[in-house]
Amino acid sequence: MGSIAAALRRERRRAGLSLTEVAVRAGIAKSTLSQLESGSGNPSLETMWALSVALEVPFSQLLDPPRPRVQVVRSGEGVAVASARADYRAVLLAPSPPGARRDIYRVEAEPGTARASDPHNPGVTEHVLLATGRALVGLADDPVELGPGDYISYPGDLPHLFEALEPSTQALLVSEHT
């Protein structure tokens, strides 16, 4: 939480925005943002995405993980952010390095409620490769059913979703920023 708090403060200051301005843009309470910046909050995936859009930065930039020379992320490890609206977790595997504009996540989801995503920053494209299970993935108004090994690419700057149709569904998600 400390690294998320530091990243939020850093990006808000970089953008020259007040707590109130960022909270309004993200659609969250100013007190929630204040708690997050102090390291005492526990943000949901939806809150973190809303803040990244409000601050106009890639989602991973708010997680601010250390970048070792060689990185191995074992199954069950990594910086995970859970959805507040669905049984869905995104584990940041590789944040976008300086000069590149992509983030890589491992998605773990269970059947139930779909993870509906609001549009991300303009120009974002999402790529999903389903590893296990079955899922409905893609644009909210026209998702596609995927099985293991299936791939889909769609504009992340439009409403989109990920809905697991089988237990223990896992996918690789690449968020590409142009």
N, C-alpha and C. Protein backbone atom coordinates (compact mmCIF):
# COMPACT_ATOMS: atom_id res chain seq x y z
N MET A 1 0.82 -1.20 0.00
CA MET A 1 0.00 0.00 0.00
C MET A 1 0.86 1.26 0.00
N GLY A 2 2.04 1.15 0.59
CA GLY A 2 2.93 2.31 0.63
C GLY A 2 3.37 2.75 -0.76
N SER A 3 3.65 1.78 -1.63
CA SER A 3 4.09 2.14 -2.98
C SER A 3 2.93 2.72 -3.79
N ILE A 4 1.72 2.22 -3.57
CA ILE A 4 0.55 2.78 -4.26
C ILE A 4 0.31 4.21 -3.78
N ALA A 5 0.43 4.42 -2.48
CA ALA A 5 0.23 5.77 -1.92
C ALA A 5 1.25 6.74 -2.52
N ALA A 6 2.52 6.33 -2.56
CA ALA A 6 3.56 7.20 -3.12
C ALA A 6 3.31 7.48 -4.60
N ALA A 7 2.89 6.46 -5.35
CA ALA A 7 2.63 6.65 -6.78
C ALA A 7 1.45 7.61 -7.00
N LEU A 8 0.40 7.48 -6.20
CA LEU A 8 -0.75 8.39 -6.33
C LEU A 8 -0.34 9.84 -6.06
N ARG A 9 0.42 10.05 -4.99
CA ARG A 9 0.87 11.41 -4.68
C ARG A 9 1.75 11.95 -5.81
N ARG A 10 2.69 11.13 -6.27
CA ARG A 10 3.62 11.53 -7.32
C ARG A 10 2.86 11.91 -8.60
N GLU A 11 1.93 11.08 -9.03
CA GLU A 11 1.23 11.34 -10.29
C GLU A 11 0.25 12.49 -10.16
N ARG A 12 -0.37 12.65 -9.01
CA ARG A 12 -1.28 13.79 -8.82
C ARG A 12 -0.49 15.10 -8.86
N ARG A 13 0.67 15.12 -8.21
CA ARG A 13 1.51 16.32 -8.23
C ARG A 13 2.06 16.59 -9.62
N ARG A 14 2.48 15.53 -10.31
CA ARG A 14 2.98 15.67 -11.67
C ARG A 14 1.93 16.31 -12.58
N ALA A 15 0.66 15.91 -12.38
CA ALA A 15 -0.44 16.44 -13.18
C ALA A 15 -0.87 17.84 -12.72
N GLY A 16 -0.37 18.27 -11.55
CA GLY A 16 -0.73 19.59 -11.02
C GLY A 16 -2.18 19.67 -10.59
N LEU A 17 -2.72 18.57 -10.05
CA LEU A 17 -4.12 18.51 -9.66
C LEU A 17 -4.27 18.43 -8.14
N SER A 18 -5.34 18.98 -7.64
CA SER A 18 -5.65 18.88 -6.22
C SER A 18 -6.32 17.55 -5.92
N LEU A 19 -6.39 17.20 -4.64
CA LEU A 19 -7.11 15.99 -4.24
C LEU A 19 -8.55 16.05 -4.75
N THR A 20 -9.18 17.20 -4.61
CA THR A 20 -10.57 17.37 -5.03
C THR A 20 -10.72 17.14 -6.53
N GLU A 21 -9.82 17.72 -7.33
CA GLU A 21 -9.90 17.56 -8.79
C GLU A 21 -9.77 16.11 -9.21
N VAL A 22 -8.81 15.39 -8.64
CA VAL A 22 -8.61 13.99 -8.99
C VAL A 22 -9.81 13.15 -8.54
N ALA A 23 -10.30 13.40 -7.34
CA ALA A 23 -11.45 12.65 -6.83
C ALA A 23 -12.67 12.85 -7.72
N VAL A 24 -12.93 14.07 -8.14
CA VAL A 24 -14.07 14.35 -9.02
C VAL A 24 -13.90 13.64 -10.35
N ARG A 25 -12.71 13.74 -10.95
CA ARG A 25 -12.45 13.10 -12.25
C ARG A 25 -12.61 11.58 -12.16
N ALA A 26 -12.19 11.00 -11.03
CA ALA A 26 -12.24 9.55 -10.85
C ALA A 26 -13.60 9.07 -10.35
N GLY A 27 -14.44 9.99 -9.90
CA GLY A 27 -15.75 9.61 -9.38
C GLY A 27 -15.69 8.93 -8.03
N ILE A 28 -14.71 9.34 -7.20
CA ILE A 28 -14.59 8.78 -5.85
C ILE A 28 -14.62 9.92 -4.84
N ALA A 29 -14.81 9.56 -3.59
CA ALA A 29 -14.84 10.57 -2.52
C ALA A 29 -13.42 11.10 -2.28
N LYS A 30 -13.34 12.39 -1.97
CA LYS A 30 -12.05 13.01 -1.67
C LYS A 30 -11.41 12.31 -0.47
N SER A 31 -12.23 11.91 0.52
CA SER A 31 -11.70 11.23 1.70
C SER A 31 -11.09 9.88 1.33
N THR A 32 -11.66 9.20 0.34
CA THR A 32 -11.10 7.92 -0.13
C THR A 32 -9.73 8.15 -0.74
N LEU A 33 -9.62 9.16 -1.59
CA LEU A 33 -8.33 9.46 -2.21
C LEU A 33 -7.31 9.86 -1.15
N SER A 34 -7.72 10.64 -0.19
CA SER A 34 -6.82 11.05 0.89
C SER A 34 -6.31 9.82 1.65
N GLN A 35 -7.20 8.88 1.94
CA GLN A 35 -6.78 7.65 2.63
C GLN A 35 -5.80 6.85 1.79
N LEU A 36 -6.08 6.76 0.49
CA LEU A 36 -5.18 6.02 -0.39
C LEU A 36 -3.80 6.67 -0.45
N GLU A 37 -3.77 7.99 -0.53
CA GLU A 37 -2.48 8.69 -0.58
C GLU A 37 -1.72 8.59 0.74
N SER A 38 -2.43 8.37 1.83
CA SER A 38 -1.75 8.22 3.12
C SER A 38 -1.35 6.77 3.39
N GLY A 39 -1.76 5.86 2.49
CA GLY A 39 -1.40 4.45 2.65
C GLY A 39 -2.33 3.68 3.56
N SER A 40 -3.46 4.28 3.95
CA SER A 40 -4.36 3.59 4.87
C SER A 40 -5.57 2.98 4.18
N GLY A 41 -5.72 3.19 2.88
CA GLY A 41 -6.87 2.63 2.16
C GLY A 41 -6.52 1.30 1.51
N ASN A 42 -7.54 0.62 1.01
CA ASN A 42 -7.38 -0.64 0.29
C ASN A 42 -8.20 -0.55 -0.98
N PRO A 43 -7.63 -0.01 -2.06
CA PRO A 43 -8.41 0.27 -3.26
C PRO A 43 -8.82 -0.98 -4.03
N SER A 44 -10.00 -0.92 -4.64
CA SER A 44 -10.43 -1.99 -5.53
C SER A 44 -9.82 -1.77 -6.90
N LEU A 45 -9.94 -2.76 -7.74
CA LEU A 45 -9.48 -2.66 -9.12
C LEU A 45 -10.18 -1.50 -9.82
N GLU A 46 -11.47 -1.37 -9.59
CA GLU A 46 -12.24 -0.30 -10.23
C GLU A 46 -11.74 1.08 -9.81
N THR A 47 -11.43 1.25 -8.53
CA THR A 47 -10.93 2.53 -8.04
C THR A 47 -9.58 2.85 -8.66
N MET A 48 -8.70 1.85 -8.73
CA MET A 48 -7.37 2.08 -9.31
C MET A 48 -7.48 2.44 -10.79
N TRP A 49 -8.36 1.77 -11.54
CA TRP A 49 -8.54 2.10 -12.96
C TRP A 49 -9.09 3.52 -13.10
N ALA A 50 -10.07 3.86 -12.28
CA ALA A 50 -10.65 5.21 -12.35
C ALA A 50 -9.57 6.26 -12.07
N LEU A 51 -8.70 5.99 -11.12
CA LEU A 51 -7.62 6.93 -10.81
C LEU A 51 -6.60 7.02 -11.95
N SER A 52 -6.30 5.89 -12.58
CA SER A 52 -5.34 5.94 -13.70
C SER A 52 -5.91 6.75 -14.86
N VAL A 53 -7.22 6.60 -15.11
CA VAL A 53 -7.86 7.38 -16.18
C VAL A 53 -7.87 8.86 -15.78
N ALA A 54 -8.22 9.16 -14.54
CA ALA A 54 -8.27 10.55 -14.08
C ALA A 54 -6.91 11.23 -14.16
N LEU A 55 -5.85 10.47 -13.88
CA LEU A 55 -4.49 11.01 -13.90
C LEU A 55 -3.82 10.86 -15.26
N GLU A 56 -4.51 10.18 -16.20
CA GLU A 56 -4.00 9.96 -17.56
C GLU A 56 -2.65 9.26 -17.56
N VAL A 57 -2.57 8.16 -16.78
CA VAL A 57 -1.36 7.35 -16.73
C VAL A 57 -1.74 5.88 -16.88
N PRO A 58 -0.81 5.04 -17.36
CA PRO A 58 -1.09 3.60 -17.40
C PRO A 58 -1.36 3.08 -15.99
N PHE A 59 -2.26 2.12 -15.89
CA PHE A 59 -2.65 1.53 -14.61
C PHE A 59 -1.42 1.11 -13.79
N SER A 60 -0.47 0.46 -14.44
CA SER A 60 0.70 -0.07 -13.73
C SER A 60 1.54 1.03 -13.09
N GLN A 61 1.47 2.22 -13.62
CA GLN A 61 2.26 3.33 -13.08
C GLN A 61 1.82 3.66 -11.65
N LEU A 62 0.59 3.32 -11.30
CA LEU A 62 0.11 3.56 -9.94
C LEU A 62 0.52 2.46 -8.97
N LEU A 63 0.90 1.30 -9.49
CA LEU A 63 1.36 0.23 -8.62
C LEU A 63 2.82 0.38 -8.25
N ASP A 64 3.59 1.08 -9.11
CA ASP A 64 4.98 1.44 -8.85
C ASP A 64 5.81 0.30 -8.27
N PRO A 65 5.80 -0.89 -8.92
CA PRO A 65 6.58 -2.00 -8.37
C PRO A 65 8.07 -1.83 -8.66
N PRO A 66 8.92 -2.47 -7.85
CA PRO A 66 10.35 -2.45 -8.16
C PRO A 66 10.60 -3.24 -9.44
N ARG A 67 11.67 -2.89 -10.15
CA ARG A 67 11.97 -3.55 -11.43
C ARG A 67 13.33 -4.23 -11.36
N PRO A 68 13.36 -5.50 -10.94
CA PRO A 68 14.63 -6.21 -10.89
C PRO A 68 15.13 -6.53 -12.31
N ARG A 69 16.42 -6.84 -12.39
CA ARG A 69 17.02 -7.15 -13.70
C ARG A 69 16.39 -8.40 -14.31
N VAL A 70 16.22 -9.45 -13.53
CA VAL A 70 15.54 -10.67 -13.95
C VAL A 70 14.35 -10.84 -13.02
N GLN A 71 13.19 -11.03 -13.60
CA GLN A 71 11.99 -11.12 -12.77
C GLN A 71 11.26 -12.42 -13.05
N VAL A 72 10.96 -13.17 -12.00
CA VAL A 72 10.15 -14.37 -12.08
C VAL A 72 8.96 -14.16 -11.17
N VAL A 73 7.76 -14.35 -11.69
CA VAL A 73 6.55 -14.26 -10.88
C VAL A 73 5.93 -15.64 -10.90
N ARG A 74 5.98 -16.31 -9.77
CA ARG A 74 5.41 -17.66 -9.65
C ARG A 74 3.90 -17.57 -9.53
N SER A 75 3.24 -18.64 -9.92
CA SER A 75 1.78 -18.70 -9.79
C SER A 75 1.42 -18.45 -8.33
N GLY A 76 0.44 -17.56 -8.10
CA GLY A 76 0.03 -17.22 -6.75
C GLY A 76 0.81 -16.05 -6.15
N GLU A 77 1.82 -15.55 -6.86
CA GLU A 77 2.61 -14.41 -6.38
C GLU A 77 2.32 -13.20 -7.25
N GLY A 78 2.85 -12.06 -6.85
CA GLY A 78 2.73 -10.83 -7.63
C GLY A 78 1.77 -9.84 -7.00
N VAL A 79 1.83 -8.62 -7.49
CA VAL A 79 0.96 -7.55 -7.01
C VAL A 79 -0.42 -7.77 -7.61
N ALA A 80 -1.38 -8.13 -6.78
CA ALA A 80 -2.74 -8.42 -7.25
C ALA A 80 -3.69 -7.33 -6.81
N VAL A 81 -4.62 -6.99 -7.69
CA VAL A 81 -5.68 -6.05 -7.36
C VAL A 81 -6.99 -6.75 -7.69
N ALA A 82 -7.90 -6.81 -6.72
CA ALA A 82 -9.16 -7.52 -6.90
C ALA A 82 -10.28 -6.56 -7.28
N SER A 83 -11.23 -7.09 -8.03
CA SER A 83 -12.41 -6.33 -8.39
C SER A 83 -13.37 -6.29 -7.21
N ALA A 84 -14.07 -5.17 -7.07
CA ALA A 84 -15.10 -5.07 -6.04
C ALA A 84 -16.43 -5.59 -6.54
N ARG A 85 -16.55 -5.80 -7.86
CA ARG A 85 -17.84 -6.17 -8.46
C ARG A 85 -17.90 -7.59 -9.00
N ALA A 86 -16.78 -8.29 -9.05
CA ALA A 86 -16.76 -9.65 -9.60
C ALA A 86 -15.63 -10.43 -8.96
N ASP A 87 -15.69 -11.76 -9.05
CA ASP A 87 -14.61 -12.61 -8.54
C ASP A 87 -13.52 -12.62 -9.61
N TYR A 88 -12.71 -11.57 -9.61
CA TYR A 88 -11.74 -11.29 -10.67
C TYR A 88 -10.55 -10.61 -10.04
N ARG A 89 -9.34 -11.13 -10.32
CA ARG A 89 -8.11 -10.54 -9.83
C ARG A 89 -7.15 -10.35 -10.99
N ALA A 90 -6.47 -9.22 -11.03
CA ALA A 90 -5.45 -8.97 -12.04
C ALA A 90 -4.11 -8.87 -11.33
N VAL A 91 -3.16 -9.69 -11.74
CA VAL A 91 -1.83 -9.70 -11.16
C VAL A 91 -0.88 -9.07 -12.17
N LEU A 92 -0.28 -7.94 -11.79
CA LEU A 92 0.66 -7.26 -12.68
C LEU A 92 1.91 -8.13 -12.81
N LEU A 93 2.19 -8.57 -14.04
CA LEU A 93 3.37 -9.40 -14.29
C LEU A 93 4.55 -8.57 -14.77
N ALA A 94 4.27 -7.60 -15.65
CA ALA A 94 5.35 -6.78 -16.22
C ALA A 94 4.82 -5.39 -16.53
N PRO A 95 5.16 -4.41 -15.69
CA PRO A 95 4.74 -3.05 -15.99
C PRO A 95 5.48 -2.51 -17.21
N SER A 96 4.91 -1.54 -17.81
CA SER A 96 5.52 -0.93 -18.99
C SER A 96 6.81 -0.22 -18.59
N PRO A 97 7.94 -0.62 -19.19
CA PRO A 97 9.19 0.05 -18.87
C PRO A 97 9.25 1.42 -19.54
N PRO A 98 10.18 2.28 -19.11
CA PRO A 98 10.30 3.59 -19.76
C PRO A 98 10.46 3.44 -21.27
N GLY A 99 9.73 4.25 -22.01
CA GLY A 99 9.80 4.22 -23.47
C GLY A 99 8.84 3.24 -24.12
N ALA A 100 8.33 2.27 -23.36
CA ALA A 100 7.35 1.31 -23.89
C ALA A 100 5.98 1.68 -23.34
N ARG A 101 4.96 1.16 -23.96
CA ARG A 101 3.61 1.52 -23.54
C ARG A 101 2.73 0.28 -23.46
N ARG A 102 3.09 -0.67 -22.58
CA ARG A 102 2.27 -1.86 -22.38
C ARG A 102 2.46 -2.40 -20.97
N ASP A 103 1.42 -3.06 -20.48
CA ASP A 103 1.46 -3.73 -19.19
C ASP A 103 0.97 -5.15 -19.43
N ILE A 104 1.50 -6.12 -18.65
CA ILE A 104 1.11 -7.52 -18.79
C ILE A 104 0.57 -8.01 -17.45
N TYR A 105 -0.61 -8.66 -17.51
CA TYR A 105 -1.27 -9.16 -16.30
C TYR A 105 -1.65 -10.63 -16.46
N ARG A 106 -1.71 -11.34 -15.34
CA ARG A 106 -2.34 -12.64 -15.28
C ARG A 106 -3.71 -12.41 -14.65
N VAL A 107 -4.76 -12.84 -15.32
CA VAL A 107 -6.13 -12.68 -14.81
C VAL A 107 -6.59 -14.02 -14.26
N GLU A 108 -7.18 -13.98 -13.06
CA GLU A 108 -7.77 -15.16 -12.43
C GLU A 108 -9.21 -14.80 -12.13
N ALA A 109 -10.17 -15.59 -12.64
CA ALA A 109 -11.57 -15.24 -12.47
C ALA A 109 -12.41 -16.49 -12.23
N GLU A 110 -13.53 -16.27 -11.54
CA GLU A 110 -14.48 -17.34 -11.24
C GLU A 110 -15.84 -16.95 -11.82
N PRO A 111 -16.67 -17.96 -12.14
CA PRO A 111 -18.01 -17.66 -12.66
C PRO A 111 -18.82 -16.85 -11.66
N GLY A 112 -19.78 -16.12 -12.16
CA GLY A 112 -20.62 -15.27 -11.32
C GLY A 112 -20.86 -13.96 -12.03
N THR A 113 -20.43 -12.89 -11.43
CA THR A 113 -20.61 -11.56 -12.00
C THR A 113 -19.49 -11.25 -12.99
N ALA A 114 -19.86 -10.68 -14.12
CA ALA A 114 -18.86 -10.27 -15.11
C ALA A 114 -18.07 -9.09 -14.58
N ARG A 115 -16.81 -9.01 -14.95
CA ARG A 115 -15.97 -7.84 -14.64
C ARG A 115 -16.19 -6.85 -15.78
N ALA A 116 -17.09 -5.90 -15.55
CA ALA A 116 -17.38 -4.87 -16.55
C ALA A 116 -16.42 -3.72 -16.34
N SER A 117 -15.72 -3.33 -17.40
CA SER A 117 -14.72 -2.26 -17.31
C SER A 117 -15.21 -1.02 -18.04
N ASP A 118 -15.08 0.11 -17.37
CA ASP A 118 -15.33 1.39 -18.02
C ASP A 118 -14.19 1.64 -19.01
N PRO A 119 -14.39 2.52 -19.97
CA PRO A 119 -13.32 2.82 -20.93
C PRO A 119 -12.06 3.33 -20.23
N HIS A 120 -10.91 2.87 -20.73
CA HIS A 120 -9.62 3.33 -20.24
C HIS A 120 -9.22 4.57 -21.04
N ASN A 121 -8.01 5.01 -20.88
CA ASN A 121 -7.52 6.18 -21.61
C ASN A 121 -7.64 5.98 -23.12
N PRO A 122 -7.82 7.05 -23.88
CA PRO A 122 -7.90 6.93 -25.34
C PRO A 122 -6.68 6.22 -25.92
N GLY A 123 -6.93 5.35 -26.90
CA GLY A 123 -5.84 4.66 -27.58
C GLY A 123 -5.42 3.35 -26.96
N VAL A 124 -6.03 2.93 -25.84
CA VAL A 124 -5.65 1.67 -25.20
C VAL A 124 -6.27 0.51 -25.98
N THR A 125 -5.46 -0.50 -26.26
CA THR A 125 -5.94 -1.75 -26.85
C THR A 125 -5.63 -2.86 -25.87
N GLU A 126 -6.58 -3.75 -25.64
CA GLU A 126 -6.35 -4.89 -24.78
C GLU A 126 -6.26 -6.15 -25.61
N HIS A 127 -5.31 -7.02 -25.23
CA HIS A 127 -5.10 -8.32 -25.87
C HIS A 127 -5.28 -9.36 -24.78
N VAL A 128 -6.10 -10.39 -25.04
CA VAL A 128 -6.33 -11.44 -24.05
C VAL A 128 -6.08 -12.79 -24.70
N LEU A 129 -5.27 -13.62 -24.04
CA LEU A 129 -5.02 -14.99 -24.43
C LEU A 129 -5.54 -15.87 -23.29
N LEU A 130 -6.58 -16.64 -23.54
CA LEU A 130 -7.16 -17.47 -22.49
C LEU A 130 -6.29 -18.70 -22.27
N ALA A 131 -5.92 -18.96 -21.03
CA ALA A 131 -5.06 -20.09 -20.70
C ALA A 131 -5.87 -21.30 -20.26
N THR A 132 -6.82 -21.09 -19.32
CA THR A 132 -7.65 -22.19 -18.82
C THR A 132 -9.08 -21.72 -18.67
N GLY A 133 -10.00 -22.67 -18.71
CA GLY A 133 -11.41 -22.35 -18.53
C GLY A 133 -12.07 -21.84 -19.80
N ARG A 134 -13.17 -21.16 -19.62
CA ARG A 134 -13.90 -20.52 -20.70
C ARG A 134 -14.34 -19.16 -20.20
N ALA A 135 -14.46 -18.18 -21.11
CA ALA A 135 -14.85 -16.83 -20.69
C ALA A 135 -15.48 -16.08 -21.85
N LEU A 136 -16.35 -15.14 -21.49
CA LEU A 136 -16.85 -14.14 -22.43
C LEU A 136 -15.94 -12.93 -22.28
N VAL A 137 -15.35 -12.47 -23.39
CA VAL A 137 -14.36 -11.40 -23.33
C VAL A 137 -14.57 -10.46 -24.51
N GLY A 138 -14.35 -9.17 -24.28
CA GLY A 138 -14.37 -8.20 -25.37
C GLY A 138 -15.27 -7.02 -25.09
N LEU A 139 -15.73 -6.40 -26.15
CA LEU A 139 -16.58 -5.22 -26.01
C LEU A 139 -17.88 -5.59 -25.30
N ALA A 140 -18.34 -4.72 -24.42
CA ALA A 140 -19.51 -5.00 -23.59
C ALA A 140 -20.74 -5.34 -24.42
N ASP A 141 -20.89 -4.71 -25.58
CA ASP A 141 -22.08 -4.95 -26.39
C ASP A 141 -21.93 -6.13 -27.35
N ASP A 142 -20.75 -6.78 -27.39
CA ASP A 142 -20.55 -7.91 -28.30
C ASP A 142 -19.38 -8.78 -27.85
N PRO A 143 -19.44 -9.36 -26.61
CA PRO A 143 -18.33 -10.18 -26.15
C PRO A 143 -18.26 -11.50 -26.93
N VAL A 144 -17.08 -12.12 -26.90
CA VAL A 144 -16.82 -13.36 -27.62
C VAL A 144 -16.47 -14.44 -26.61
N GLU A 145 -17.03 -15.64 -26.81
CA GLU A 145 -16.68 -16.76 -25.93
C GLU A 145 -15.33 -17.32 -26.35
N LEU A 146 -14.41 -17.42 -25.37
CA LEU A 146 -13.07 -17.94 -25.62
C LEU A 146 -12.85 -19.23 -24.85
N GLY A 147 -12.05 -20.12 -25.43
CA GLY A 147 -11.59 -21.33 -24.77
C GLY A 147 -10.08 -21.29 -24.66
N PRO A 148 -9.49 -22.30 -24.01
CA PRO A 148 -8.03 -22.31 -23.85
C PRO A 148 -7.30 -22.16 -25.18
N GLY A 149 -6.35 -21.23 -25.22
CA GLY A 149 -5.57 -20.97 -26.41
C GLY A 149 -6.15 -19.92 -27.33
N ASP A 150 -7.41 -19.52 -27.10
CA ASP A 150 -8.04 -18.49 -27.93
C ASP A 150 -7.52 -17.10 -27.56
N TYR A 151 -7.43 -16.23 -28.57
CA TYR A 151 -6.91 -14.87 -28.41
C TYR A 151 -7.94 -13.88 -28.93
N ILE A 152 -8.04 -12.72 -28.27
CA ILE A 152 -8.89 -11.63 -28.73
C ILE A 152 -8.17 -10.31 -28.48
N SER A 153 -8.40 -9.35 -29.36
CA SER A 153 -7.89 -7.98 -29.20
C SER A 153 -9.07 -7.05 -29.41
N TYR A 154 -9.16 -6.00 -28.58
CA TYR A 154 -10.29 -5.07 -28.68
C TYR A 154 -9.89 -3.71 -28.12
N PRO A 155 -10.62 -2.65 -28.49
CA PRO A 155 -10.31 -1.32 -27.97
C PRO A 155 -10.65 -1.22 -26.48
N GLY A 156 -9.65 -0.97 -25.67
CA GLY A 156 -9.86 -0.82 -24.23
C GLY A 156 -10.43 0.53 -23.86
N ASP A 157 -10.53 1.43 -24.84
CA ASP A 157 -11.10 2.75 -24.55
C ASP A 157 -12.60 2.78 -24.83
N LEU A 158 -13.20 1.58 -24.95
CA LEU A 158 -14.65 1.42 -25.02
C LEU A 158 -15.07 0.49 -23.88
N PRO A 159 -16.34 0.52 -23.43
CA PRO A 159 -16.77 -0.39 -22.37
C PRO A 159 -16.51 -1.84 -22.78
N HIS A 160 -15.92 -2.62 -21.87
CA HIS A 160 -15.59 -4.01 -22.18
C HIS A 160 -15.77 -4.88 -20.94
N LEU A 161 -15.69 -6.20 -21.14
CA LEU A 161 -15.92 -7.10 -20.01
C LEU A 161 -15.10 -8.36 -20.10
N PHE A 162 -15.01 -9.03 -18.96
CA PHE A 162 -14.41 -10.36 -18.84
C PHE A 162 -15.31 -11.12 -17.89
N GLU A 163 -15.92 -12.21 -18.38
CA GLU A 163 -16.81 -13.02 -17.54
C GLU A 163 -16.38 -14.48 -17.62
N ALA A 164 -15.90 -15.01 -16.49
CA ALA A 164 -15.52 -16.42 -16.43
C ALA A 164 -16.77 -17.28 -16.55
N LEU A 165 -16.69 -18.32 -17.35
CA LEU A 165 -17.80 -19.25 -17.52
C LEU A 165 -17.52 -20.60 -16.86
N GLU A 166 -16.27 -20.82 -16.45
CA GLU A 166 -15.86 -22.04 -15.76
C GLU A 166 -14.99 -21.67 -14.56
N PRO A 167 -15.00 -22.52 -13.52
CA PRO A 167 -14.13 -22.26 -12.37
C PRO A 167 -12.66 -22.24 -12.77
N SER A 168 -11.88 -21.49 -12.03
CA SER A 168 -10.43 -21.39 -12.21
C SER A 168 -10.02 -20.94 -13.60
N THR A 169 -10.77 -19.99 -14.16
CA THR A 169 -10.42 -19.45 -15.47
C THR A 169 -9.22 -18.52 -15.32
N GLN A 170 -8.23 -18.68 -16.19
CA GLN A 170 -7.04 -17.82 -16.17
C GLN A 170 -6.72 -17.35 -17.58
N ALA A 171 -6.20 -16.13 -17.66
CA ALA A 171 -5.85 -15.55 -18.95
C ALA A 171 -4.63 -14.65 -18.79
N LEU A 172 -4.00 -14.38 -19.92
CA LEU A 172 -2.94 -13.39 -19.99
C LEU A 172 -3.56 -12.16 -20.65
N LEU A 173 -3.43 -10.99 -20.03
CA LEU A 173 -3.96 -9.75 -20.57
C LEU A 173 -2.81 -8.78 -20.78
N VAL A 174 -2.72 -8.25 -21.99
CA VAL A 174 -1.73 -7.21 -22.30
C VAL A 174 -2.50 -5.94 -22.60
N SER A 175 -2.22 -4.89 -21.85
CA SER A 175 -2.83 -3.57 -22.06
C SER A 175 -1.80 -2.71 -22.78
N GLU A 176 -2.12 -2.37 -24.02
CA GLU A 176 -1.20 -1.63 -24.88
C GLU A 176 -1.65 -0.17 -24.97
N HIS A 177 -0.76 0.74 -24.66
CA HIS A 177 -1.06 2.17 -24.64
C HIS A 177 -0.40 2.84 -25.84
N THR A 178 -1.19 3.51 -26.68
CA THR A 178 -0.60 4.19 -27.84
C THR A 178 -0.61 5.69 -27.63
